[in-house]
């Protein structure tokens, strides 16, 4: 299922972009990551889609916010080692995802 999104400029209400990513549970996270790449870093849509992604896996809204405490932070291959190490130092359970396992990111 693709969840389409439409984004407008806050001040003018003009269309900024339409977007949609695949990925099941990853979709809302993927939307935010693609949108931030375009709005914050000025990337074109293809470059934004090509950026390595991350996914917080194991969060269950039926359980509540405390499920985030045991969630894994999946990082797509291509993120700098320094970034990976920094996230581990902050206490995140980091798992680097490679190859066909990248399907979790909607690839």
N, C-alpha and C. Protein backbone atom coordinates (compact mmCIF):
# COMPACT_ATOMS: atom_id res chain seq x y z
N UNK A 1 0.85 -1.18 0.00
CA UNK A 1 0.00 0.00 0.00
C UNK A 1 0.89 1.23 0.00
N UNK A 2 0.61 2.15 -0.86
CA UNK A 2 1.32 3.43 -0.86
C UNK A 2 0.41 4.48 -0.24
N UNK A 3 0.95 5.20 0.72
CA UNK A 3 0.21 6.27 1.37
C UNK A 3 0.65 7.57 0.71
N UNK A 4 -0.18 8.18 -0.13
CA UNK A 4 0.25 9.41 -0.79
C UNK A 4 0.23 10.59 0.17
N UNK A 5 1.09 11.54 -0.10
CA UNK A 5 1.13 12.75 0.69
C UNK A 5 1.21 13.97 -0.22
N UNK A 6 0.70 15.08 0.26
CA UNK A 6 0.77 16.33 -0.47
C UNK A 6 1.23 17.40 0.51
N UNK A 7 2.21 18.19 0.11
CA UNK A 7 2.81 19.19 1.00
C UNK A 7 2.69 20.56 0.34
N UNK A 8 2.25 21.53 1.13
CA UNK A 8 2.15 22.90 0.63
C UNK A 8 3.07 23.80 1.45
N UNK A 9 3.41 24.94 0.87
CA UNK A 9 4.17 25.95 1.60
C UNK A 9 3.24 26.58 2.63
N UNK A 10 3.73 26.77 3.84
CA UNK A 10 2.89 27.30 4.91
C UNK A 10 2.40 28.71 4.62
N UNK A 11 3.27 29.55 4.11
CA UNK A 11 2.91 30.95 3.92
C UNK A 11 1.98 31.18 2.73
N UNK A 12 2.29 30.58 1.59
CA UNK A 12 1.51 30.85 0.37
C UNK A 12 0.45 29.81 0.08
N UNK A 13 0.56 28.67 0.71
CA UNK A 13 -0.32 27.52 0.47
C UNK A 13 -0.10 26.91 -0.93
N UNK A 14 0.95 27.35 -1.64
CA UNK A 14 1.28 26.77 -2.93
C UNK A 14 1.81 25.36 -2.74
N UNK A 15 1.63 24.54 -3.75
CA UNK A 15 2.11 23.15 -3.70
C UNK A 15 3.63 23.11 -3.64
N UNK A 16 4.15 22.36 -2.67
CA UNK A 16 5.59 22.11 -2.59
C UNK A 16 5.92 20.80 -3.30
N UNK A 17 5.16 19.74 -2.97
CA UNK A 17 5.40 18.45 -3.62
C UNK A 17 4.28 17.48 -3.28
N UNK A 18 4.23 16.43 -4.06
CA UNK A 18 3.47 15.24 -3.71
C UNK A 18 4.50 14.13 -3.52
N UNK A 19 4.22 13.19 -2.66
CA UNK A 19 5.18 12.12 -2.43
C UNK A 19 4.49 10.86 -1.94
N UNK A 20 5.19 9.77 -2.07
CA UNK A 20 4.72 8.49 -1.58
C UNK A 20 5.87 7.51 -1.59
N UNK A 21 6.00 6.76 -0.52
CA UNK A 21 7.04 5.74 -0.43
C UNK A 21 6.38 4.43 -0.03
N UNK A 22 7.06 3.34 -0.34
CA UNK A 22 6.58 2.02 0.08
C UNK A 22 7.27 1.64 1.38
N UNK A 23 6.77 0.61 2.04
CA UNK A 23 7.49 0.14 3.20
C UNK A 23 6.66 -0.26 4.40
N UNK A 24 5.34 -0.41 4.27
CA UNK A 24 4.54 -0.86 5.41
C UNK A 24 4.70 0.06 6.60
N UNK A 25 5.15 -0.49 7.73
CA UNK A 25 5.35 0.28 8.96
C UNK A 25 6.31 1.44 8.74
N UNK A 26 7.18 1.28 7.77
CA UNK A 26 8.20 2.29 7.48
C UNK A 26 7.63 3.52 6.76
N UNK A 27 6.44 3.42 6.17
CA UNK A 27 5.94 4.49 5.32
C UNK A 27 5.90 5.86 5.98
N UNK A 28 5.32 6.03 7.15
CA UNK A 28 5.31 7.38 7.73
C UNK A 28 6.72 7.89 8.02
N UNK A 29 7.60 6.99 8.46
CA UNK A 29 8.98 7.38 8.72
C UNK A 29 9.67 7.75 7.41
N UNK A 30 9.42 6.97 6.37
CA UNK A 30 10.00 7.25 5.06
C UNK A 30 9.52 8.56 4.47
N UNK A 31 8.22 8.85 4.63
CA UNK A 31 7.69 10.13 4.16
C UNK A 31 8.45 11.28 4.80
N UNK A 32 8.61 11.22 6.10
CA UNK A 32 9.28 12.30 6.82
C UNK A 32 10.73 12.44 6.37
N UNK A 33 11.42 11.33 6.17
CA UNK A 33 12.81 11.38 5.77
C UNK A 33 12.97 11.96 4.36
N UNK A 34 12.10 11.57 3.43
CA UNK A 34 12.16 12.10 2.07
C UNK A 34 11.80 13.59 2.07
N UNK A 35 10.76 13.95 2.79
CA UNK A 35 10.36 15.35 2.87
C UNK A 35 11.46 16.22 3.47
N UNK A 36 12.06 15.77 4.54
CA UNK A 36 13.15 16.54 5.16
C UNK A 36 14.33 16.70 4.21
N UNK A 37 14.65 15.65 3.46
CA UNK A 37 15.75 15.74 2.51
C UNK A 37 15.49 16.81 1.46
N UNK A 38 14.23 16.94 1.03
CA UNK A 38 13.90 17.95 0.03
C UNK A 38 13.78 19.34 0.64
N UNK A 39 13.05 19.46 1.75
CA UNK A 39 12.78 20.78 2.34
C UNK A 39 13.98 21.34 3.10
N UNK A 40 14.67 20.51 3.85
CA UNK A 40 15.76 20.99 4.69
C UNK A 40 17.11 21.04 3.97
N UNK A 41 17.32 20.12 3.02
CA UNK A 41 18.62 20.02 2.36
C UNK A 41 18.57 20.34 0.87
N UNK A 42 17.39 20.67 0.36
CA UNK A 42 17.27 21.10 -1.03
C UNK A 42 17.50 20.03 -2.06
N UNK A 43 17.37 18.76 -1.67
CA UNK A 43 17.58 17.69 -2.63
C UNK A 43 16.39 17.58 -3.58
N UNK A 44 16.66 17.16 -4.81
CA UNK A 44 15.56 16.90 -5.73
C UNK A 44 14.91 15.58 -5.31
N UNK A 45 13.70 15.28 -5.80
CA UNK A 45 12.98 14.09 -5.34
C UNK A 45 13.78 12.78 -5.47
N UNK A 46 14.47 12.58 -6.60
CA UNK A 46 15.22 11.33 -6.76
C UNK A 46 16.37 11.24 -5.77
N UNK A 47 17.10 12.32 -5.57
CA UNK A 47 18.20 12.31 -4.61
C UNK A 47 17.68 12.07 -3.20
N UNK A 48 16.53 12.63 -2.88
CA UNK A 48 15.93 12.42 -1.55
C UNK A 48 15.55 10.96 -1.35
N UNK A 49 15.00 10.35 -2.39
CA UNK A 49 14.64 8.92 -2.30
C UNK A 49 15.86 8.02 -2.20
N UNK A 50 16.97 8.45 -2.78
CA UNK A 50 18.18 7.63 -2.80
C UNK A 50 18.98 7.68 -1.49
N UNK A 51 18.67 8.60 -0.60
CA UNK A 51 19.41 8.73 0.66
C UNK A 51 19.21 7.48 1.52
N UNK A 52 20.27 7.04 2.24
CA UNK A 52 20.09 5.93 3.18
C UNK A 52 19.04 6.30 4.23
N UNK A 53 18.24 5.33 4.62
CA UNK A 53 17.15 5.58 5.57
C UNK A 53 17.39 4.90 6.90
N UNK A 54 16.59 5.27 7.85
CA UNK A 54 16.58 4.62 9.16
C UNK A 54 15.15 4.27 9.51
N UNK A 55 14.98 3.31 10.39
CA UNK A 55 13.64 2.86 10.77
C UNK A 55 13.66 2.41 12.22
N UNK A 56 12.76 2.93 13.01
CA UNK A 56 12.60 2.48 14.38
C UNK A 56 11.64 1.29 14.34
N UNK A 57 12.16 0.11 14.58
CA UNK A 57 11.37 -1.11 14.45
C UNK A 57 11.08 -1.70 15.83
N UNK A 58 9.84 -2.11 16.03
CA UNK A 58 9.46 -2.74 17.28
C UNK A 58 8.57 -1.87 18.15
N UNK A 59 8.23 -0.69 17.66
CA UNK A 59 7.32 0.18 18.39
C UNK A 59 5.91 -0.31 18.11
N UNK A 60 5.13 -0.49 19.15
CA UNK A 60 3.78 -1.02 19.01
C UNK A 60 2.79 -0.08 19.69
N UNK A 61 1.96 0.57 18.89
CA UNK A 61 1.01 1.53 19.45
C UNK A 61 0.01 0.87 20.38
N UNK A 62 -0.21 -0.43 20.23
CA UNK A 62 -1.13 -1.13 21.13
C UNK A 62 -0.53 -1.27 22.54
N UNK A 63 0.79 -1.30 22.61
CA UNK A 63 1.47 -1.41 23.90
C UNK A 63 1.67 -0.03 24.52
N UNK A 64 2.02 0.93 23.69
CA UNK A 64 2.24 2.28 24.17
C UNK A 64 3.65 2.75 23.95
N UNK A 65 3.92 3.96 24.40
CA UNK A 65 5.21 4.61 24.16
C UNK A 65 6.38 3.82 24.76
N UNK A 66 6.13 3.08 25.82
CA UNK A 66 7.23 2.34 26.44
C UNK A 66 7.82 1.27 25.51
N UNK A 67 7.10 0.88 24.47
CA UNK A 67 7.64 -0.09 23.52
C UNK A 67 8.85 0.48 22.78
N UNK A 68 8.99 1.80 22.73
CA UNK A 68 10.14 2.42 22.07
C UNK A 68 11.44 2.11 22.81
N UNK A 69 11.33 1.81 24.10
CA UNK A 69 12.52 1.53 24.90
C UNK A 69 13.23 0.26 24.45
N UNK A 70 12.50 -0.68 23.86
CA UNK A 70 13.11 -1.94 23.42
C UNK A 70 13.20 -2.04 21.90
N UNK A 71 12.87 -0.96 21.21
CA UNK A 71 12.89 -0.96 19.75
C UNK A 71 14.32 -0.97 19.23
N UNK A 72 14.48 -1.51 18.03
CA UNK A 72 15.76 -1.48 17.35
C UNK A 72 15.77 -0.34 16.34
N UNK A 73 16.92 0.29 16.20
CA UNK A 73 17.09 1.34 15.20
C UNK A 73 17.79 0.72 14.00
N UNK A 74 17.03 0.49 12.94
CA UNK A 74 17.58 -0.09 11.73
C UNK A 74 18.17 1.03 10.88
N UNK A 75 19.41 0.84 10.45
CA UNK A 75 20.09 1.81 9.60
C UNK A 75 20.42 1.16 8.28
N UNK A 76 20.07 1.82 7.21
CA UNK A 76 20.38 1.29 5.89
C UNK A 76 21.87 1.47 5.60
N UNK A 77 22.46 0.46 4.96
CA UNK A 77 23.87 0.57 4.61
C UNK A 77 24.11 1.86 3.85
N UNK A 78 25.25 2.47 4.09
CA UNK A 78 25.57 3.73 3.44
C UNK A 78 25.65 4.90 4.41
N UNK A 79 25.09 4.72 5.61
CA UNK A 79 25.24 5.78 6.61
C UNK A 79 26.66 5.72 7.17
N UNK A 80 27.30 6.87 7.38
CA UNK A 80 28.69 6.88 7.85
C UNK A 80 28.87 6.12 9.16
N UNK A 81 30.03 5.47 9.30
CA UNK A 81 30.35 4.73 10.51
C UNK A 81 30.29 5.64 11.73
N UNK A 82 30.72 6.88 11.57
CA UNK A 82 30.69 7.84 12.67
C UNK A 82 29.26 8.05 13.18
N UNK A 83 28.30 8.10 12.26
CA UNK A 83 26.89 8.24 12.64
C UNK A 83 26.42 7.01 13.39
N UNK A 84 26.77 5.84 12.89
CA UNK A 84 26.39 4.59 13.55
C UNK A 84 26.95 4.53 14.96
N UNK A 85 28.23 4.84 15.10
CA UNK A 85 28.89 4.81 16.41
C UNK A 85 28.27 5.83 17.37
N UNK A 86 27.94 7.00 16.84
CA UNK A 86 27.33 8.04 17.68
C UNK A 86 25.97 7.61 18.22
N UNK A 87 25.18 6.95 17.37
CA UNK A 87 23.86 6.48 17.80
C UNK A 87 24.00 5.37 18.85
N UNK A 88 24.97 4.48 18.67
CA UNK A 88 25.23 3.44 19.67
C UNK A 88 25.65 4.07 21.00
N UNK A 89 26.50 5.09 20.93
CA UNK A 89 26.97 5.77 22.15
C UNK A 89 25.83 6.42 22.91
N UNK A 90 24.76 6.79 22.18
CA UNK A 90 23.59 7.37 22.83
C UNK A 90 22.66 6.31 23.41
N UNK A 91 23.02 5.03 23.22
CA UNK A 91 22.24 3.94 23.80
C UNK A 91 21.27 3.26 22.86
N UNK A 92 21.29 3.60 21.58
CA UNK A 92 20.39 2.96 20.63
C UNK A 92 20.88 1.56 20.27
N UNK A 93 19.94 0.64 20.12
CA UNK A 93 20.22 -0.71 19.66
C UNK A 93 20.25 -0.66 18.13
N UNK A 94 21.43 -0.41 17.57
CA UNK A 94 21.59 -0.17 16.14
C UNK A 94 21.83 -1.48 15.40
N UNK A 95 21.10 -1.67 14.30
CA UNK A 95 21.30 -2.81 13.40
C UNK A 95 21.47 -2.25 11.99
N UNK A 96 22.62 -2.54 11.37
CA UNK A 96 22.85 -2.10 9.99
C UNK A 96 22.24 -3.13 9.06
N UNK A 97 21.40 -2.67 8.13
CA UNK A 97 20.67 -3.54 7.22
C UNK A 97 21.28 -3.43 5.83
N UNK A 98 21.59 -4.59 5.24
CA UNK A 98 22.23 -4.62 3.93
C UNK A 98 21.49 -5.57 2.99
N UNK A 99 21.86 -5.49 1.72
CA UNK A 99 21.35 -6.42 0.72
C UNK A 99 19.83 -6.43 0.63
N UNK A 100 19.28 -7.63 0.42
CA UNK A 100 17.83 -7.79 0.26
C UNK A 100 17.05 -7.43 1.51
N UNK A 101 17.70 -7.44 2.66
CA UNK A 101 17.01 -7.08 3.91
C UNK A 101 16.59 -5.62 3.91
N UNK A 102 17.14 -4.84 2.97
CA UNK A 102 16.77 -3.42 2.85
C UNK A 102 15.32 -3.25 2.44
N UNK A 103 14.63 -4.32 2.13
CA UNK A 103 13.21 -4.23 1.80
C UNK A 103 12.40 -3.59 2.92
N UNK A 104 12.90 -3.68 4.15
CA UNK A 104 12.20 -3.06 5.28
C UNK A 104 12.06 -1.56 5.09
N UNK A 105 12.94 -0.97 4.28
CA UNK A 105 12.90 0.47 4.02
C UNK A 105 12.04 0.81 2.80
N UNK A 106 11.40 -0.19 2.20
CA UNK A 106 10.58 0.05 1.03
C UNK A 106 11.38 0.13 -0.26
N UNK A 107 12.55 -0.44 -0.27
CA UNK A 107 13.42 -0.40 -1.46
C UNK A 107 13.02 -1.45 -2.46
